[in-house]
């Protein structure tokens, strides 16, 4: 049995059968190690050629939404709190502000919906994502019915390319389960170039005195992914705090 990030576990007899099968003249792989190396090579090729727009058809988008509903809402709420946004009842002395946020990798709108439910401030949120099917998800109907400003506004955008907004327009930025894809190089660009495209343009679109940015990501697949993000962010003028 192959498990992500784990060595394969086989019983003694099963392992012997596997080795015997690979040792036949018709086999391309003489050992388990050679087969595993090839599998990892295939996986790396798939990751470098990954296209969210092609991968997420309507069926996958619906499955993703249903499977991740609870976790996405919890993570989005925490991300907004790290952006200094009150997601519950505001303190008595709180002064309500009008703020504009961008949700990077908004998907089917689960994380954007959390921002639309904020009542402590008047928070308008624009979502960006690469997948057309995600942006067409029925979940956006609920987001669009929200009384918050710009409710349901979203556009198709590749986070590995400069963000298509004017300079200094956003007060805050948050992201849930999206930016870790930038830590993998594509067929034409390195991981550093992909990350830098985001960090540089994000600095441009945030206004002076903006709130802290909160980017939740899974940086465990590649051992150097977190350090890579940290190095690129610092080069582009960010102070990165990983929690």
Protein backbone atom coordinates (compact mmCIF):
# COMPACT_ATOMS: atom_id res chain seq x y z
CA UNK A 1 0.00 0.00 0.00
CA UNK A 2 1.40 3.42 -1.00
CA UNK A 3 0.65 6.28 1.35
CA UNK A 4 1.55 9.93 0.85
CA UNK A 5 4.85 10.73 2.47
CA UNK A 6 5.30 7.17 3.77
CA UNK A 7 7.33 4.18 2.74
CA UNK A 8 5.21 1.41 1.18
CA UNK A 9 4.15 -1.35 3.57
CA UNK A 10 3.96 -4.90 2.25
CA UNK A 11 3.81 -8.25 3.95
CA UNK A 12 6.77 -10.56 3.35
CA UNK A 13 4.95 -12.76 0.84
CA UNK A 14 3.46 -9.78 -1.03
CA UNK A 15 6.84 -8.11 -1.26
CA UNK A 16 8.41 -11.30 -2.61
CA UNK A 17 5.68 -11.55 -5.25
CA UNK A 18 6.26 -7.92 -6.24
CA UNK A 19 10.00 -8.40 -6.58
CA UNK A 20 9.45 -11.57 -8.62
CA UNK A 21 7.03 -9.78 -10.97
CA UNK A 22 9.45 -6.93 -11.56
CA UNK A 23 12.25 -9.38 -12.26
CA UNK A 24 10.47 -10.89 -15.27
CA UNK A 25 12.07 -10.10 -18.66
CA UNK A 26 9.07 -7.99 -19.70
CA UNK A 27 9.34 -5.66 -16.69
CA UNK A 28 10.97 -2.24 -17.08
CA UNK A 29 11.76 -2.06 -13.37
CA UNK A 30 14.04 -4.55 -11.69
CA UNK A 31 13.52 -3.45 -8.09
CA UNK A 32 10.91 -1.84 -5.92
CA UNK A 33 13.20 1.19 -5.56
CA UNK A 34 13.30 1.70 -9.34
CA UNK A 35 9.52 1.49 -9.55
CA UNK A 36 9.06 3.91 -6.69
CA UNK A 37 11.54 6.33 -8.28
CA UNK A 38 9.56 6.26 -11.51
CA UNK A 39 6.27 6.83 -9.66
CA UNK A 40 7.75 9.87 -7.92
CA UNK A 41 8.99 11.18 -11.28
CA UNK A 42 5.51 10.82 -12.76
CA UNK A 43 3.99 12.63 -9.77
CA UNK A 44 6.49 15.48 -10.09
CA UNK A 45 5.67 15.83 -13.79
CA UNK A 46 1.95 15.96 -12.99
CA UNK A 47 2.51 18.61 -10.32
CA UNK A 48 4.61 20.83 -12.60
CA UNK A 49 1.96 20.59 -15.33
CA UNK A 50 -1.00 21.03 -12.97
CA UNK A 51 -3.73 23.28 -14.33
CA UNK A 52 -6.54 24.03 -11.88
CA UNK A 53 -8.81 25.16 -14.69
CA UNK A 54 -8.56 21.78 -16.44
CA UNK A 55 -8.56 19.72 -13.25
CA UNK A 56 -11.65 21.17 -11.59
CA UNK A 57 -14.60 20.19 -13.75
CA UNK A 58 -18.10 20.70 -12.33
CA UNK A 59 -18.03 17.30 -10.60
CA UNK A 60 -14.69 17.88 -8.88
CA UNK A 61 -15.63 21.44 -7.91
CA UNK A 62 -18.83 20.19 -6.25
CA UNK A 63 -16.94 17.42 -4.45
CA UNK A 64 -14.28 19.82 -3.22
CA UNK A 65 -16.92 22.18 -1.89
CA UNK A 66 -18.84 19.50 -0.03
CA UNK A 67 -15.75 17.84 1.43
CA UNK A 68 -14.04 21.06 2.59
CA UNK A 69 -16.99 23.18 3.69
CA UNK A 70 -16.35 23.05 7.43
CA UNK A 71 -12.56 23.32 7.32
CA UNK A 72 -12.58 26.16 4.78
CA UNK A 73 -14.95 28.23 6.88
CA UNK A 74 -12.92 27.65 10.04
CA UNK A 75 -9.62 28.48 8.33
CA UNK A 76 -11.08 31.57 6.63
CA UNK A 77 -12.40 32.86 9.94
CA UNK A 78 -9.00 32.41 11.55
CA UNK A 79 -7.24 34.04 8.59
CA UNK A 80 -9.46 37.11 8.88
CA UNK A 81 -8.77 37.30 12.60
CA UNK A 82 -5.04 37.32 11.81
CA UNK A 83 -5.81 40.25 9.48
CA UNK A 84 -7.11 42.10 12.58
CA UNK A 85 -10.76 41.64 11.58
CA UNK A 86 -13.36 40.90 14.25
CA UNK A 87 -15.36 37.89 13.02
CA UNK A 88 -17.65 37.82 16.06
CA UNK A 89 -19.30 40.55 18.06
CA UNK A 90 -17.02 43.61 18.07
CA UNK A 91 -15.84 45.24 21.31
CA UNK A 92 -18.02 48.00 22.67
CA UNK A 93 -15.45 50.66 21.79
CA UNK A 94 -14.89 49.34 18.25
CA UNK A 95 -15.09 51.90 15.44
CA UNK A 96 -16.63 50.43 12.31
CA UNK A 97 -14.54 50.85 9.15
CA UNK A 98 -15.15 50.40 5.43
CA UNK A 99 -12.52 48.00 4.11
CA UNK A 100 -11.76 46.26 0.82
CA UNK A 101 -10.32 42.71 0.88
CA UNK A 102 -9.05 40.29 -1.73
CA UNK A 103 -9.50 36.52 -1.26
CA UNK A 104 -6.68 34.74 -3.11
CA UNK A 105 -7.71 31.34 -4.43
CA UNK A 106 -11.35 31.83 -3.44
CA UNK A 107 -12.50 28.60 -5.11
CA UNK A 108 -16.24 28.02 -4.85
CA UNK A 109 -16.71 30.94 -2.47
CA UNK A 110 -16.59 29.21 0.92
CA UNK A 111 -13.85 31.48 2.25
CA UNK A 112 -15.36 34.58 0.63
CA UNK A 113 -18.71 33.86 2.28
CA UNK A 114 -17.07 34.07 5.71
CA UNK A 115 -15.81 37.58 4.94
CA UNK A 116 -19.27 38.58 3.72
CA UNK A 117 -20.72 37.64 7.11
CA UNK A 118 -18.43 40.02 9.02
CA UNK A 119 -20.50 42.66 10.78
CA UNK A 120 -17.89 44.45 12.89
CA UNK A 121 -16.72 46.32 9.77
CA UNK A 122 -18.15 47.03 6.34
CA UNK A 123 -16.03 44.55 4.45
CA UNK A 124 -16.19 44.31 0.68
CA UNK A 125 -14.42 41.24 -0.72
CA UNK A 126 -13.29 40.34 -4.24
CA UNK A 127 -12.37 36.71 -4.88
CA UNK A 128 -9.86 35.51 -7.44
CA UNK A 129 -9.29 31.96 -8.67
CA UNK A 130 -7.92 30.18 -11.73
CA UNK A 131 -10.75 27.67 -12.15
CA UNK A 132 -13.82 28.68 -14.16
CA UNK A 133 -15.87 25.85 -12.64
CA UNK A 134 -15.02 26.96 -9.13
CA UNK A 135 -16.05 30.51 -9.98
CA UNK A 136 -19.32 29.19 -11.44
CA UNK A 137 -20.14 27.07 -8.39
CA UNK A 138 -23.73 27.33 -7.06
CA UNK A 139 -22.21 28.34 -3.71
CA UNK A 140 -21.66 31.81 -5.15
CA UNK A 141 -25.43 32.37 -5.22
CA UNK A 142 -25.42 32.49 -1.42
CA UNK A 143 -22.41 34.83 -1.40
CA UNK A 144 -24.08 37.12 -3.95
CA UNK A 145 -27.21 37.38 -1.79
CA UNK A 146 -25.20 38.83 1.09
CA UNK A 147 -25.87 42.50 1.93
CA UNK A 148 -22.13 43.21 2.17
CA UNK A 149 -20.55 45.45 -0.51
CA UNK A 150 -19.29 43.70 -3.66
CA UNK A 151 -20.87 40.43 -2.55
CA UNK A 152 -20.22 37.73 -5.11
CA UNK A 153 -17.64 39.73 -7.07
CA UNK A 154 -14.94 37.41 -8.39
CA UNK A 155 -12.64 37.09 -11.36
CA UNK A 156 -10.42 34.51 -12.98
CA UNK A 157 -6.79 35.09 -12.11
CA UNK A 158 -3.58 33.06 -11.95
CA UNK A 159 -1.80 33.76 -8.65
CA UNK A 160 1.51 33.01 -10.39
CA UNK A 161 0.95 36.12 -12.54
CA UNK A 162 0.77 39.76 -11.39
CA UNK A 163 -2.59 40.58 -9.79
CA UNK A 164 -4.85 42.55 -12.18
CA UNK A 165 -5.71 45.45 -9.86
CA UNK A 166 -4.78 49.09 -9.52
CA UNK A 167 -2.12 50.05 -7.01
CA UNK A 168 -3.13 50.69 -3.41
CA UNK A 169 -6.75 49.56 -3.59
CA UNK A 170 -6.97 46.80 -0.94
CA UNK A 171 -6.94 47.16 2.82
CA UNK A 172 -6.25 43.49 3.46
CA UNK A 173 -5.58 40.14 1.80
CA UNK A 174 -6.21 36.60 2.95
CA UNK A 175 -6.01 33.16 1.40
CA UNK A 176 -7.05 29.64 2.37
CA UNK A 177 -5.47 26.49 0.93
CA UNK A 178 -4.16 28.03 -2.28
CA UNK A 179 -0.71 29.63 -2.35
CA UNK A 180 1.26 26.42 -1.64
CA UNK A 181 0.82 25.52 -5.32
CA UNK A 182 3.20 28.35 -6.13
CA UNK A 183 6.03 26.51 -4.37
CA UNK A 184 6.20 24.11 -7.31
CA UNK A 185 7.82 25.12 -10.55
CA UNK A 186 5.87 24.91 -13.79
CA UNK A 187 7.01 23.84 -17.24
CA UNK A 188 8.16 27.39 -18.00
CA UNK A 189 8.87 29.09 -14.65
CA UNK A 190 10.66 28.28 -11.43
CA UNK A 191 8.93 28.18 -8.06
CA UNK A 192 10.83 31.32 -7.05
CA UNK A 193 9.48 33.21 -10.07
CA UNK A 194 5.91 32.07 -9.37
CA UNK A 195 6.05 33.07 -5.72
CA UNK A 196 7.69 36.40 -6.49
CA UNK A 197 4.99 37.27 -9.03
CA UNK A 198 2.49 37.14 -6.17
CA UNK A 199 4.54 38.79 -3.44
CA UNK A 200 5.60 41.72 -5.63
CA UNK A 201 2.16 42.44 -7.07
CA UNK A 202 0.50 41.96 -3.68
CA UNK A 203 2.64 44.73 -2.25
CA UNK A 204 1.51 46.96 -5.12
CA UNK A 205 -2.24 46.41 -4.72
CA UNK A 206 -2.29 46.89 -0.94
CA UNK A 207 -2.77 50.41 0.32
CA UNK A 208 -0.49 52.23 2.73
CA UNK A 209 -1.31 51.18 6.28
CA UNK A 210 -3.02 47.96 5.17
CA UNK A 211 -3.86 45.19 7.63
CA UNK A 212 -1.56 42.16 8.01
CA UNK A 213 -1.95 39.55 5.26
CA UNK A 214 -2.85 35.99 6.27
CA UNK A 215 -2.03 33.23 3.78
CA UNK A 216 -2.92 29.74 5.01
CA UNK A 217 -1.09 27.04 3.05
CA UNK A 218 0.05 23.42 3.20
CA UNK A 219 3.81 23.62 2.82
CA UNK A 220 4.65 20.07 3.86
CA UNK A 221 4.92 18.25 0.52
CA UNK A 222 8.34 19.70 -0.27
CA UNK A 223 10.75 20.00 2.64
CA UNK A 224 12.13 23.35 1.45
CA UNK A 225 8.80 24.98 0.51
CA UNK A 226 8.46 27.07 3.66
CA UNK A 227 12.04 28.28 3.46
CA UNK A 228 11.53 29.08 -0.21
CA UNK A 229 8.49 31.22 0.59
CA UNK A 230 10.39 32.92 3.40
CA UNK A 231 13.40 33.73 1.22
CA UNK A 232 11.37 35.08 -1.70
CA UNK A 233 9.11 37.11 0.60
CA UNK A 234 12.06 38.73 2.35
CA UNK A 235 13.69 39.55 -1.00
CA UNK A 236 10.48 41.29 -2.05
CA UNK A 237 10.24 43.33 1.14
CA UNK A 238 7.91 41.22 3.28
CA UNK A 239 8.34 40.27 6.90
CA UNK A 240 7.04 36.69 7.02
CA UNK A 241 5.76 35.18 10.25
CA UNK A 242 4.90 31.49 9.98
CA UNK A 243 2.53 30.06 12.61
